[in-house]
Amino acid sequence: MSQNNSRRDFLLSGLVASGVVTGCATKSNVFEQSFDEQVKPSGKMVKLLSVDGEVIEVDEAYLKPIPEMPTITNEEERIGIPGRKFVMVIDLSRCKSLKKCQAACDYAHHLHPDINWLKIYPMQDAEQTAPYWQPTNCMHCDEPPCVKVCPVDATFKRQDGIVLIDSERCVGCRFCMAACPYSSRIFNWEAPGVSGKIASVPYSCEKSIPQLKGTVGKCDFCPDRARENKLPHCAEACPNGVFFFGDLLEDSVTNGTETYRFSELIKDKSGYRLMEDLGTKPSVYYLPPVNRNFPFENKDAVVA
């Protein structure tokens, strides 16, 4: 190995070798013969660490990519996406409680069957008023009380306004659950029971998978999709366009079909936030359930 190669690069190469070499010999020519003879050598040699601990040279053409490797570091995940401030608007007049949003969230994050990060509550403001459905998730507050009480910096707020949980740091103390006034956090009493493929994926704060037993989970605004300019899973799955998602700095939100200026939408539709008096400054806004698209139908539910 040349002197200008760092120890870190050398170790990384060793990890790659251990991922693609199974039972290889200590000589590169034997290693190459173990692969498909139809692969044409590129002539570019790389140094790897064999399973026997010996440095070998292998043609780059024989290397196979390792799937599901993290594309960004944990530090980058904790900083967030520069120049963005994410916001969600939920239109209560459109919700019919189809729960496709909930199912999409559960599936994408491989949650335990008994856990939902997105809940849909039947609500009624007064005895004389009509009931309505209220989807409720993490509010991603600008002044999040959950972050202030976490003793291990497992829950944190990013520069783009998203509040996330690093499950690898979480010790399960549940202080954040007690501090959250919206009851949006869920404790993982059991392992999610995911497949071996998902369980072996390197943990990512942005994807929130795989969830770990004894830690806290919650809605994460799907920041991995935001990096690709995609809507969160709930917004994409909703057939009625209930969820609008966008950037406060760009003053724009969309449900995938309709796009509005955030400031105008909130002003024209009398948008509001839950429990504003607490000073948490949520990033989730609601449009009141007026001129509803669907009648309220829930014969068995106890209205809150």
C-alpha atoms as a PDB file:
ATOM      1  CA  MET A   1       0.000   0.000   0.000  1.00  0.00           C
ATOM      2  CA  SER A   2       1.371   3.452  -0.909  1.00  0.00           C
ATOM      3  CA  GLN A   3       2.217   5.843   1.900  1.00  0.00           C
ATOM      4  CA  ASN A   4      -0.358   8.443   0.822  1.00  0.00           C
ATOM      5  CA  ASN A   5      -3.230   6.034   1.504  1.00  0.00           C
ATOM      6  CA  SER A   6      -4.743   6.732   4.893  1.00  0.00           C
ATOM      7  CA  ARG A   7      -5.373   4.077   7.497  1.00  0.00           C
ATOM      8  CA  ARG A   8      -9.082   4.824   7.215  1.00  0.00           C
ATOM      9  CA  ASP A   9      -9.112   4.126   3.480  1.00  0.00           C
ATOM     10  CA  PHE A  10      -7.201   0.924   4.091  1.00  0.00           C
ATOM     11  CA  LEU A  11      -9.684  -0.276   6.701  1.00  0.00           C
ATOM     12  CA  LEU A  12     -12.590   0.681   4.440  1.00  0.00           C
ATOM     13  CA  SER A  13     -11.065  -1.382   1.672  1.00  0.00           C
ATOM     14  CA  GLY A  14     -10.775  -4.237   4.111  1.00  0.00           C
ATOM     15  CA  LEU A  15     -14.465  -4.029   4.892  1.00  0.00           C
ATOM     16  CA  VAL A  16     -15.294  -4.084   1.190  1.00  0.00           C
ATOM     17  CA  ALA A  17     -13.111  -7.109   0.745  1.00  0.00           C
ATOM     18  CA  SER A  18     -14.784  -8.973   3.567  1.00  0.00           C
ATOM     19  CA  GLY A  19     -18.160  -8.163   2.003  1.00  0.00           C
ATOM     20  CA  VAL A  20     -17.355  -9.471  -1.465  1.00  0.00           C
ATOM     21  CA  VAL A  21     -14.781 -12.173  -0.766  1.00  0.00           C
ATOM     22  CA  THR A  22     -16.007 -15.484   0.547  1.00  0.00           C
ATOM     23  CA  GLY A  23     -13.403 -18.108   1.206  1.00  0.00           C
ATOM     24  CA  CYS A  24     -10.832 -16.384  -1.003  1.00  0.00           C
ATOM     25  CA  ALA A  25      -7.224 -17.482  -1.142  1.00  0.00           C
ATOM     26  CA  THR A  26      -4.348 -15.188  -0.267  1.00  0.00           C
ATOM     27  CA  LYS A  27      -3.195 -14.864  -3.876  1.00  0.00           C
ATOM     28  CA  SER A  28      -4.963 -12.528  -6.266  1.00  0.00           C
ATOM     29  CA  ASN A  29      -4.884 -14.946  -9.198  1.00  0.00           C
ATOM     30  CA  VAL A  30      -6.784 -17.571  -7.208  1.00  0.00           C
ATOM     31  CA  PHE A  31      -9.233 -14.900  -6.083  1.00  0.00           C
ATOM     32  CA  GLU A  32      -9.966 -13.849  -9.651  1.00  0.00           C
ATOM     33  CA  GLN A  33     -10.540 -17.446 -10.754  1.00  0.00           C
ATOM     34  CA  SER A  34     -13.352 -17.807  -8.212  1.00  0.00           C
ATOM     35  CA  PHE A  35     -15.509 -15.337 -10.152  1.00  0.00           C
ATOM     36  CA  ASP A  36     -17.321 -15.568 -13.431  1.00  0.00           C
ATOM     37  CA  GLU A  37     -14.747 -16.048 -16.152  1.00  0.00           C
ATOM     38  CA  GLN A  38     -16.852 -13.906 -18.480  1.00  0.00           C
ATOM     39  CA  VAL A  39     -16.019 -10.765 -16.467  1.00  0.00           C
ATOM     40  CA  LYS A  40     -13.406  -8.775 -18.386  1.00  0.00           C
ATOM     41  CA  PRO A  41     -10.579  -7.349 -16.265  1.00  0.00           C
ATOM     42  CA  SER A  42     -10.360  -3.561 -16.280  1.00  0.00           C
ATOM     43  CA  GLY A  43      -6.641  -3.431 -15.616  1.00  0.00           C
ATOM     44  CA  LYS A  44      -7.189  -1.195 -12.600  1.00  0.00           C
ATOM     45  CA  MET A  45      -6.012  -2.953  -9.459  1.00  0.00           C
ATOM     46  CA  VAL A  46      -7.148  -2.160  -5.929  1.00  0.00           C
ATOM     47  CA  LYS A  47      -5.711  -3.368  -2.651  1.00  0.00           C
ATOM     48  CA  LEU A  48      -7.989  -5.261  -0.275  1.00  0.00           C
ATOM     49  CA  LEU A  49      -7.662  -7.162   2.951  1.00  0.00           C
ATOM     50  CA  SER A  50      -8.424 -10.859   2.591  1.00  0.00           C
ATOM     51  CA  VAL A  51     -10.265 -12.944   5.181  1.00  0.00           C
ATOM     52  CA  ASP A  52      -6.873 -14.328   6.168  1.00  0.00           C
ATOM     53  CA  GLY A  53      -5.637 -10.846   7.023  1.00  0.00           C
ATOM     54  CA  GLU A  54      -3.322 -10.563   4.028  1.00  0.00           C
ATOM     55  CA  VAL A  55      -3.227  -7.622   1.615  1.00  0.00           C
ATOM     56  CA  ILE A  56      -4.109  -8.707  -1.919  1.00  0.00           C
ATOM     57  CA  GLU A  57      -4.531  -6.931  -5.238  1.00  0.00           C
ATOM     58  CA  VAL A  58      -7.802  -7.459  -7.130  1.00  0.00           C
ATOM     59  CA  ASP A  59      -8.964  -6.138 -10.475  1.00  0.00           C
ATOM     60  CA  GLU A  60     -11.735  -3.586  -9.929  1.00  0.00           C
ATOM     61  CA  ALA A  61     -13.982  -5.407 -12.419  1.00  0.00           C
ATOM     62  CA  TYR A  62     -14.348  -8.337 -10.023  1.00  0.00           C
ATOM     63  CA  LEU A  63     -15.707  -6.244  -7.165  1.00  0.00           C
ATOM     64  CA  LYS A  64     -19.418  -6.249  -6.554  1.00  0.00           C
ATOM     65  CA  PRO A  65     -21.197  -3.327  -4.875  1.00  0.00           C
ATOM     66  CA  ILE A  66     -22.444  -3.798  -1.338  1.00  0.00           C
ATOM     67  CA  PRO A  67     -26.190  -2.980  -1.201  1.00  0.00           C
ATOM     68  CA  GLU A  68     -27.834  -0.634   1.292  1.00  0.00           C
ATOM     69  CA  MET A  69     -24.688   1.249   2.265  1.00  0.00           C
ATOM     70  CA  PRO A  70     -25.405   4.628   3.865  1.00  0.00           C
ATOM     71  CA  THR A  71     -25.143   7.457   1.360  1.00  0.00           C
ATOM     72  CA  ILE A  72     -24.634  10.158   3.991  1.00  0.00           C
ATOM     73  CA  THR A  73     -23.026  10.195   7.406  1.00  0.00           C
ATOM     74  CA  ASN A  74     -24.796  10.338  10.743  1.00  0.00           C
ATOM     75  CA  GLU A  75     -23.410  13.842  11.201  1.00  0.00           C
ATOM     76  CA  GLU A  76     -24.991  14.977   7.917  1.00  0.00           C
ATOM     77  CA  GLU A  77     -28.293  13.378   8.961  1.00  0.00           C
ATOM     78  CA  ARG A  78     -28.215  15.327  12.207  1.00  0.00           C
ATOM     79  CA  ILE A  79     -27.461  18.641  10.485  1.00  0.00           C
ATOM     80  CA  GLY A  80     -30.258  18.374   7.930  1.00  0.00           C
ATOM     81  CA  ILE A  81     -30.758  19.766   4.436  1.00  0.00           C
ATOM     82  CA  PRO A  82     -29.200  23.245   4.084  1.00  0.00           C
ATOM     83  CA  GLY A  83     -31.466  26.139   3.162  1.00  0.00           C
ATOM     84  CA  ARG A  84     -34.739  24.327   3.851  1.00  0.00           C
ATOM     85  CA  LYS A  85     -37.458  24.692   6.500  1.00  0.00           C
ATOM     86  CA  PHE A  86     -40.045  21.969   6.141  1.00  0.00           C
ATOM     87  CA  VAL A  87     -43.708  22.435   6.972  1.00  0.00           C
ATOM     88  CA  MET A  88     -46.888  20.338   6.701  1.00  0.00           C
ATOM     89  CA  VAL A  89     -50.492  21.441   6.236  1.00  0.00           C
ATOM     90  CA  ILE A  90     -53.354  19.004   6.960  1.00  0.00           C
ATOM     91  CA  ASP A  91     -56.728  19.817   5.403  1.00  0.00           C
ATOM     92  CA  LEU A  92     -59.371  18.435   7.768  1.00  0.00           C
ATOM     93  CA  SER A  93     -62.171  19.053   5.263  1.00  0.00           C
ATOM     94  CA  ARG A  94     -60.755  16.331   3.004  1.00  0.00           C
ATOM     95  CA  CYS A  95     -60.115  13.531   5.496  1.00  0.00           C
ATOM     96  CA  LYS A  96     -62.370  10.474   5.317  1.00  0.00           C
ATOM     97  CA  SER A  97     -60.235   8.278   7.589  1.00  0.00           C
ATOM     98  CA  LEU A  98     -59.318   5.840   4.837  1.00  0.00           C
ATOM     99  CA  LYS A  99     -56.057   5.289   6.744  1.00  0.00           C
ATOM    100  CA  LYS A 100     -54.046   4.732   3.590  1.00  0.00           C
ATOM    101  CA  CYS A 101     -51.659   7.346   4.921  1.00  0.00           C
ATOM    102  CA  GLN A 102     -51.241   5.338   8.104  1.00  0.00           C
ATOM    103  CA  ALA A 103     -50.709   2.079   6.231  1.00  0.00           C
ATOM    104  CA  ALA A 104     -48.091   3.672   3.970  1.00  0.00           C
ATOM    105  CA  CYS A 105     -46.211   5.068   6.961  1.00  0.00           C
ATOM    106  CA  ASP A 106     -46.292   1.741   8.800  1.00  0.00           C
ATOM    107  CA  TYR A 107     -45.079  -0.162   5.748  1.00  0.00           C
ATOM    108  CA  ALA A 108     -42.305   2.248   4.809  1.00  0.00           C
ATOM    109  CA  HIS A 109     -40.866   2.340   8.334  1.00  0.00           C
ATOM    110  CA  HIS A 110     -41.374  -1.386   9.046  1.00  0.00           C
ATOM    111  CA  LEU A 111     -43.235  -0.698  12.266  1.00  0.00           C
ATOM    112  CA  HIS A 112     -44.469  -3.337  14.683  1.00  0.00           C
ATOM    113  CA  PRO A 113     -48.106  -4.297  13.870  1.00  0.00           C
ATOM    114  CA  ASP A 114     -49.309  -2.725  17.129  1.00  0.00           C
ATOM    115  CA  ILE A 115     -47.626   0.644  16.454  1.00  0.00           C
ATOM    116  CA  ASN A 116     -48.731   3.632  14.388  1.00  0.00           C
ATOM    117  CA  TRP A 117     -46.779   6.882  14.126  1.00  0.00           C
ATOM    118  CA  LEU A 118     -49.685   8.535  12.346  1.00  0.00           C
ATOM    119  CA  LYS A 119     -53.015   8.391  14.149  1.00  0.00           C
ATOM    120  CA  ILE A 120     -56.450   9.527  12.946  1.00  0.00           C
ATOM    121  CA  TYR A 121     -58.738  10.652  15.736  1.00  0.00           C
ATOM    122  CA  PRO A 122     -62.494  11.291  15.581  1.00  0.00           C
ATOM    123  CA  MET A 123     -62.956  14.788  16.981  1.00  0.00           C
ATOM    124  CA  GLN A 124     -65.854  17.004  18.019  1.00  0.00           C
ATOM    125  CA  ASP A 125     -65.243  20.516  19.354  1.00  0.00           C
ATOM    126  CA  ALA A 126     -68.589  20.921  21.109  1.00  0.00           C
ATOM    127  CA  GLU A 127     -71.845  19.052  21.588  1.00  0.00           C
ATOM    128  CA  GLN A 128     -73.585  21.160  18.961  1.00  0.00           C
ATOM    129  CA  THR A 129     -70.812  20.926  16.350  1.00  0.00           C
ATOM    130  CA  ALA A 130     -70.265  18.231  13.764  1.00  0.00           C
ATOM    131  CA  PRO A 131     -67.548  15.621  14.311  1.00  0.00           C
ATOM    132  CA  TYR A 132     -64.572  15.342  11.972  1.00  0.00           C
ATOM    133  CA  TRP A 133     -61.403  13.327  11.464  1.00  0.00           C
ATOM    134  CA  GLN A 134     -58.027  14.643  12.617  1.00  0.00           C
ATOM    135  CA  PRO A 135     -54.796  13.010  11.420  1.00  0.00           C
ATOM    136  CA  THR A 136     -52.148  13.579  14.088  1.00  0.00           C
ATOM    137  CA  ASN A 137     -48.424  12.989  13.880  1.00  0.00           C
ATOM    138  CA  CYS A 138     -45.264  14.568  15.304  1.00  0.00           C
ATOM    139  CA  MET A 139     -45.519  18.360  15.100  1.00  0.00           C
ATOM    140  CA  HIS A 140     -41.771  18.900  14.513  1.00  0.00           C
ATOM    141  CA  CYS A 141     -41.832  21.908  16.818  1.00  0.00           C
ATOM    142  CA  ASP A 142     -39.455  24.833  16.508  1.00  0.00           C
ATOM    143  CA  GLU A 143     -39.274  24.797  20.315  1.00  0.00           C
ATOM    144  CA  PRO A 144     -39.447  21.036  20.943  1.00  0.00           C
ATOM    145  CA  PRO A 145     -39.707  20.145  24.651  1.00  0.00           C
ATOM    146  CA  CYS A 146     -38.669  16.571  23.818  1.00  0.00           C
ATOM    147  CA  VAL A 147     -35.213  17.734  22.727  1.00  0.00           C
ATOM    148  CA  LYS A 148     -34.669  19.722  25.929  1.00  0.00           C
ATOM    149  CA  VAL A 149     -35.245  16.750  28.235  1.00  0.00           C
ATOM    150  CA  CYS A 150     -33.289  14.054  26.363  1.00  0.00           C
ATOM    151  CA  PRO A 151     -30.212  13.237  28.494  1.00  0.00           C
ATOM    152  CA  VAL A 152     -28.214  11.549  25.711  1.00  0.00           C
ATOM    153  CA  ASP A 153     -28.896  13.806  22.675  1.00  0.00           C
ATOM    154  CA  ALA A 154     -30.833  10.986  21.033  1.00  0.00           C
ATOM    155  CA  THR A 155     -33.673  13.278  20.007  1.00  0.00           C
ATOM    156  CA  PHE A 156     -32.592  16.418  18.205  1.00  0.00           C
ATOM    157  CA  LYS A 157     -33.782  19.222  15.956  1.00  0.00           C
ATOM    158  CA  ARG A 158     -32.092  19.776  12.597  1.00  0.00           C
ATOM    159  CA  GLN A 159     -31.382  23.038  10.788  1.00  0.00           C
ATOM    160  CA  ASP A 160     -34.255  22.291   8.392  1.00  0.00           C
ATOM    161  CA  GLY A 161     -36.716  22.114  11.292  1.00  0.00           C
ATOM    162  CA  ILE A 162     -37.189  18.339  11.348  1.00  0.00           C
ATOM    163  CA  VAL A 163     -37.020  16.671  14.762  1.00  0.00           C
ATOM    164  CA  LEU A 164     -35.521  13.183  14.642  1.00  0.00           C
ATOM    165  CA  ILE A 165     -34.563  10.359  16.973  1.00  0.00           C
ATOM    166  CA  ASP A 166     -31.227   8.555  16.816  1.00  0.00           C
ATOM    167  CA  SER A 167     -32.232   5.095  18.007  1.00  0.00           C
ATOM    168  CA  GLU A 168     -28.614   4.062  18.421  1.00  0.00           C
ATOM    169  CA  ARG A 169     -28.272   6.723  21.125  1.00  0.00           C
ATOM    170  CA  CYS A 170     -31.701   6.259  22.713  1.00  0.00           C
ATOM    171  CA  VAL A 171     -31.565   4.593  26.139  1.00  0.00           C
ATOM    172  CA  GLY A 172     -35.330   4.216  26.496  1.00  0.00           C
ATOM    173  CA  CYS A 173     -35.750   6.584  29.441  1.00  0.00           C
ATOM    174  CA  ARG A 174     -38.971   7.963  27.881  1.00  0.00           C
ATOM    175  CA  PHE A 175     -38.394  11.493  29.185  1.00  0.00           C
ATOM    176  CA  CYS A 176     -39.221  12.746  25.684  1.00  0.00           C
ATOM    177  CA  MET A 177     -42.566  10.933  25.744  1.00  0.00           C
ATOM    178  CA  ALA A 178     -43.477  12.612  29.012  1.00  0.00           C
ATOM    179  CA  ALA A 179     -42.442  16.033  27.661  1.00  0.00           C
ATOM    180  CA  CYS A 180     -44.344  15.804  24.356  1.00  0.00           C
ATOM    181  CA  PRO A 181     -47.751  17.514  24.716  1.00  0.00           C
ATOM    182  CA  TYR A 182     -49.034  15.878  21.520  1.00  0.00           C
ATOM    183  CA  SER A 183     -48.452  12.242  22.573  1.00  0.00           C
ATOM    184  CA  SER A 184     -46.788  11.647  19.227  1.00  0.00           C
ATOM    185  CA  ARG A 185     -44.023   9.364  20.478  1.00  0.00           C
ATOM    186  CA  ILE A 186     -44.279   5.594  20.779  1.00  0.00           C
ATOM    187  CA  PHE A 187     -42.139   3.246  22.847  1.00  0.00           C
ATOM    188  CA  ASN A 188     -40.931   0.075  21.142  1.00  0.00           C
ATOM    189  CA  TRP A 189     -41.793  -2.523  23.763  1.00  0.00           C
ATOM    190  CA  GLU A 190     -41.053  -5.234  21.246  1.00  0.00           C
ATOM    191  CA  ALA A 191     -38.751  -5.635  18.272  1.00  0.00           C
ATOM    192  CA  PRO A 192     -40.507  -4.742  15.011  1.00  0.00           C
ATOM    193  CA  GLY A 193     -40.050  -8.288  13.665  1.00  0.00           C
ATOM    194  CA  VAL A 194     -38.595  -7.190  10.338  1.00  0.00           C
ATOM    195  CA  SER A 195     -37.031  -9.482   7.765  1.00  0.00           C
ATOM    196  CA  GLY A 196     -33.371 -10.371   7.938  1.00  0.00           C
ATOM    197  CA  LYS A 197     -32.627  -8.036   5.038  1.00  0.00           C
ATOM    198  CA  ILE A 198     -34.098  -5.011   6.806  1.00  0.00           C
ATOM    199  CA  ALA A 199     -32.596  -5.980  10.153  1.00  0.00           C
ATOM    200  CA  SER A 200     -29.130  -6.039   8.584  1.00  0.00           C
ATOM    201  CA  VAL A 201     -29.453  -2.600   6.967  1.00  0.00           C
ATOM    202  CA  PRO A 202     -27.112  -0.016   8.536  1.00  0.00           C
ATOM    203  CA  TYR A 203     -29.214   2.171  10.816  1.00  0.00           C
ATOM    204  CA  SER A 204     -30.225   5.568   9.458  1.00  0.00           C
ATOM    205  CA  CYS A 205     -31.791   8.439  11.427  1.00  0.00           C
ATOM    206  CA  GLU A 206     -33.410   9.723   8.242  1.00  0.00           C
ATOM    207  CA  LYS A 207     -35.060   6.432   7.306  1.00  0.00           C
ATOM    208  CA  SER A 208     -35.729   5.472  10.945  1.00  0.00           C
ATOM    209  CA  ILE A 209     -35.028   1.829  10.166  1.00  0.00           C
ATOM    210  CA  PRO A 210     -34.526  -0.622  11.577  1.00  0.00           C
ATOM    211  CA  GLN A 211     -36.399   0.319  14.766  1.00  0.00           C
ATOM    212  CA  LEU A 212     -34.867  -1.103  17.942  1.00  0.00           C
ATOM    213  CA  LYS A 213     -36.553  -2.671  20.933  1.00  0.00           C
ATOM    214  CA  GLY A 214     -36.436  -0.476  24.027  1.00  0.00           C
ATOM    215  CA  THR A 215     -36.246   2.800  22.100  1.00  0.00           C
ATOM    216  CA  VAL A 216     -38.691   5.542  21.152  1.00  0.00           C
ATOM    217  CA  GLY A 217     -40.029   6.107  17.632  1.00  0.00           C
ATOM    218  CA  LYS A 218     -42.183   8.725  15.930  1.00  0.00           C
ATOM    219  CA  CYS A 219     -43.118  10.427  12.654  1.00  0.00           C
ATOM    220  CA  ASP A 220     -39.942  11.688  10.997  1.00  0.00           C
ATOM    221  CA  PHE A 221     -41.363  13.726   8.054  1.00  0.00           C
ATOM    222  CA  CYS A 222     -39.555  11.224   5.754  1.00  0.00           C
ATOM    223  CA  PRO A 223     -36.399  13.349   5.342  1.00  0.00           C
ATOM    224  CA  ASP A 224     -34.774  10.724   3.124  1.00  0.00           C
ATOM    225  CA  ARG A 225     -37.533  11.392   0.594  1.00  0.00           C
ATOM    226  CA  ALA A 226     -37.218  15.154   1.077  1.00  0.00           C
ATOM    227  CA  ARG A 227     -33.601  14.878  -0.081  1.00  0.00           C
ATOM    228  CA  GLU A 228     -34.982  13.490  -3.342  1.00  0.00           C
ATOM    229  CA  ASN A 229     -37.694  16.189  -3.567  1.00  0.00           C
ATOM    230  CA  LYS A 230     -40.392  13.602  -2.876  1.00  0.00           C
ATOM    231  CA  LEU A 231     -43.414  13.869  -0.623  1.00  0.00           C
ATOM    232  CA  PRO A 232     -43.622  11.963   2.678  1.00  0.00           C
ATOM    233  CA  HIS A 233     -45.208   8.527   2.389  1.00  0.00           C
ATOM    234  CA  CYS A 234     -48.438   9.686   4.044  1.00  0.00           C
ATOM    235  CA  ALA A 235     -48.922  12.545   1.578  1.00  0.00           C
ATOM    236  CA  GLU A 236     -48.142  10.372  -1.404  1.00  0.00           C
ATOM    237  CA  ALA A 237     -50.546   7.619  -0.331  1.00  0.00           C
ATOM    238  CA  CYS A 238     -53.554   9.820   0.510  1.00  0.00           C
ATOM    239  CA  PRO A 239     -56.060   9.731  -2.396  1.00  0.00           C
ATOM    240  CA  ASN A 240     -57.901  12.841  -1.164  1.00  0.00           C
ATOM    241  CA  GLY A 241     -54.956  15.232  -0.974  1.00  0.00           C
ATOM    242  CA  VAL A 242     -55.248  15.792   2.773  1.00  0.00           C
ATOM    243  CA  PHE A 243     -51.512  16.298   3.392  1.00  0.00           C
ATOM    244  CA  PHE A 244     -49.591  19.231   1.946  1.00  0.00           C
ATOM    245  CA  PHE A 245     -45.835  19.315   2.419  1.00  0.00           C
ATOM    246  CA  GLY A 246     -43.294  21.923   1.485  1.00  0.00           C
ATOM    247  CA  ASP A 247     -40.707  24.523   2.321  1.00  0.00           C
ATOM    248  CA  LEU A 248     -41.528  27.530   4.486  1.00  0.00           C
ATOM    249  CA  LEU A 249     -38.602  29.465   3.027  1.00  0.00           C
ATOM    250  CA  GLU A 250     -39.943  28.931  -0.478  1.00  0.00           C
ATOM    251  CA  ASP A 251     -43.461  29.667   0.777  1.00  0.00           C
ATOM    252  CA  SER A 252     -44.751  26.634  -1.117  1.00  0.00           C
ATOM    253  CA  VAL A 253     -46.613  23.440  -0.203  1.00  0.00           C
ATOM    254  CA  THR A 254     -48.042  20.665  -2.355  1.00  0.00           C
ATOM    255  CA  ASN A 255     -49.965  17.408  -2.039  1.00  0.00           C
ATOM    256  CA  GLY A 256     -48.598  16.156  -5.336  1.00  0.00           C
ATOM    257  CA  THR A 257     -51.536  17.423  -7.375  1.00  0.00           C
ATOM    258  CA  GLU A 258     -52.147  20.931  -6.064  1.00  0.00           C
ATOM    259  CA  THR A 259     -49.528  23.503  -5.129  1.00  0.00           C
ATOM    260  CA  TYR A 260     -50.153  26.627  -3.058  1.00  0.00           C
ATOM    261  CA  ARG A 261     -48.250  29.446  -1.497  1.00  0.00           C
ATOM    262  CA  PHE A 262     -48.080  28.408   2.128  1.00  0.00           C
ATOM    263  CA  SER A 263     -48.753  31.905   3.496  1.00  0.00           C
ATOM    264  CA  GLU A 264     -51.809  32.417   1.296  1.00  0.00           C
ATOM    265  CA  LEU A 265     -53.243  28.984   2.033  1.00  0.00           C
ATOM    266  CA  ILE A 266     -52.962  29.472   5.794  1.00  0.00           C
ATOM    267  CA  LYS A 267     -54.419  32.984   5.609  1.00  0.00           C
ATOM    268  CA  ASP A 268     -57.270  32.214   3.207  1.00  0.00           C
ATOM    269  CA  LYS A 269     -58.310  28.990   4.952  1.00  0.00           C
ATOM    270  CA  SER A 270     -57.815  30.209   8.547  1.00  0.00           C
ATOM    271  CA  GLY A 271     -55.059  27.722   9.267  1.00  0.00           C
ATOM    272  CA  TYR A 272     -54.055  27.048  12.858  1.00  0.00           C
ATOM    273  CA  ARG A 273     -51.676  24.973  14.967  1.00  0.00           C
ATOM    274  CA  LEU A 274     -52.496  22.712  17.912  1.00  0.00           C
ATOM    275  CA  MET A 275     -51.880  24.044  21.429  1.00  0.00           C
ATOM    276  CA  GLU A 276     -50.295  27.293  20.265  1.00  0.00           C
ATOM    277  CA  ASP A 277     -50.451  28.613  23.818  1.00  0.00           C
ATOM    278  CA  LEU A 278     -47.722  26.165  24.873  1.00  0.00           C
ATOM    279  CA  GLY A 279     -45.115  28.005  22.804  1.00  0.00           C
ATOM    280  CA  THR A 280     -43.847  24.876  21.064  1.00  0.00           C
ATOM    281  CA  LYS A 281     -44.286  26.470  17.599  1.00  0.00           C
ATOM    282  CA  PRO A 282     -45.338  23.354  15.634  1.00  0.00           C
ATOM    283  CA  SER A 283     -44.417  22.921  11.966  1.00  0.00           C
ATOM    284  CA  VAL A 284     -47.752  21.188  11.308  1.00  0.00           C
ATOM    285  CA  TYR A 285     -50.734  23.392  10.462  1.00  0.00           C
ATOM    286  CA  TYR A 286     -54.406  22.456  10.164  1.00  0.00           C
ATOM    287  CA  LEU A 287     -57.097  23.795   7.881  1.00  0.00           C
ATOM    288  CA  PRO A 288     -60.508  23.692   9.627  1.00  0.00           C
ATOM    289  CA  PRO A 289     -63.129  21.087   8.602  1.00  0.00           C
ATOM    290  CA  VAL A 290     -65.467  23.423   6.715  1.00  0.00           C
ATOM    291  CA  ASN A 291     -67.149  22.708   3.364  1.00  0.00           C
ATOM    292  CA  ARG A 292     -66.200  19.077   3.806  1.00  0.00           C
ATOM    293  CA  ASN A 293     -65.743  16.745   0.876  1.00  0.00           C
ATOM    294  CA  PHE A 294     -67.157  13.753   2.788  1.00  0.00           C
ATOM    295  CA  PRO A 295     -69.700  13.212   5.554  1.00  0.00           C
ATOM    296  CA  PHE A 296     -68.411  11.939   8.877  1.00  0.00           C
ATOM    297  CA  GLU A 297     -68.962   8.179   9.079  1.00  0.00           C
ATOM    298  CA  ASN A 298     -67.955   6.276  12.175  1.00  0.00           C
ATOM    299  CA  LYS A 299     -70.844   4.559  13.940  1.00  0.00           C
ATOM    300  CA  ASP A 300     -68.784   2.699  16.529  1.00  0.00           C
ATOM    301  CA  ALA A 301     -66.245   5.344  17.547  1.00  0.00           C
ATOM    302  CA  VAL A 302     -66.390   7.294  20.766  1.00  0.00           C
ATOM    303  CA  VAL A 303     -65.887  10.908  19.722  1.00  0.00           C
ATOM    304  CA  ALA A 304     -63.221  12.770  21.708  1.00  0.00           C
END
